[in-house]
Structures are given as structure tokens and as C-alpha cells.
Amino acid sequence: SATYQSYYYFLAALGRKTESVATRLVFLILQRLPLAQRVLLVIDDSPTKRYGPYVEGADVHHNPTPGPSDQMFLYGHIWVTLSLALRHPLWGAMGLPLRAMLYVRRQTISSIPIQRGWRFATKLQLAARLVEWIVPLLKEAGKHVWVVVDGGYTKRPFLKRVLATGATVVGR
């Protein structure tokens, strides 16, 4: 529609406040859901296909699900996502995404305007930031935190920071 720009202004403003919005979401979840003493969090990096000359931060990434066309790479974004693992009585296991951080490759940073203030961080650093953000919130609520990761996150830079929070890490 002709008023699409208002929507983008809203998203831009919201994008600068993801931590406070996600923190409020965690507080609402703690109030409303009957969570067990042990809270299970999952970290994974998920690609999203994006195209176009004005898509900042997009680049070529390995495609984890190549499909029938056997497409080994995709152009787009990689989001490091922290989810709460839950078991629904009717639908079984599910993940509730709580917060995600955009991973931008080091070689792509130079294509982002300097005024954006974007700094390079590895996927391991982004994942550690997510855990360092949520563990104090959950510990304050009296919860024990377990973090499940795939083999790509079982490396010293991530493990050292996460174990320092008092969380338990489960990985390959």
C-alpha cells in the first residue's frame, strides 16, 4: 500500500529494542506458563533466503537443507536463534523462539554503512551473548538452565562463556 513506509519505520525502531522486547516476553512466559524447575533452551543458526540489491548483511551461506535441487549454497541472512524447548500436551515437542541475532560475515561488514554501527561477531559470540542475556533472568525466577547446541557450538569460545553463567551445556 502507499503507507508501507510507516511499517518500516516501526520495524526499524523495534529492531533497536529487541533485547528489552525479548526480556518482557521472557517475563510473560515465566508468569503464564507452568515451566519445570529445569528450563531447556536450544541454540541454532537458521538461514533465511533474501534477494535484492538493498538487503544489508546478506551473503552466500552454506545451505543446511539443499532439497531436491541439491542447492549447496543460498543467498541471504543467518540468524543465531535462542528458543525455549517446550512439550505441548497435544502437539508434543516444540520450540518457542525468544530472541535472535543476525550473523554477518566479516567480509560483508564493509558493505554496511558505517552509521549503522555494525561490528563483526562470530556465531559463537552471538550465541554466548544470547545465553548471557537470558540465564540471569531465569535464575532470578529460580530455574536451572540447560542449553542444547549442535556440534558447531561445542567450542571453547562459546563453552567458556556459557559455563561461566552456571548453565549446563548439552552438545555433541
Foldseek 3Di string as FASTA:
>chain_A
DVPVVVVVVVVVVVVVVLLVVLLVVVVVCLVPPPDDQEWEKEKDKDWDADDDDPQALWDKDADPDCPPVNDGIGIGWIKTWIWTWDQDPVPGIDTHTRDIDTAHDPVRVVVDDVVVVDDHDDSLRRNLVVLVSCLVVSVVVNHAYEYEYEPVNPDDVNVVSNVVSVHHYDYD
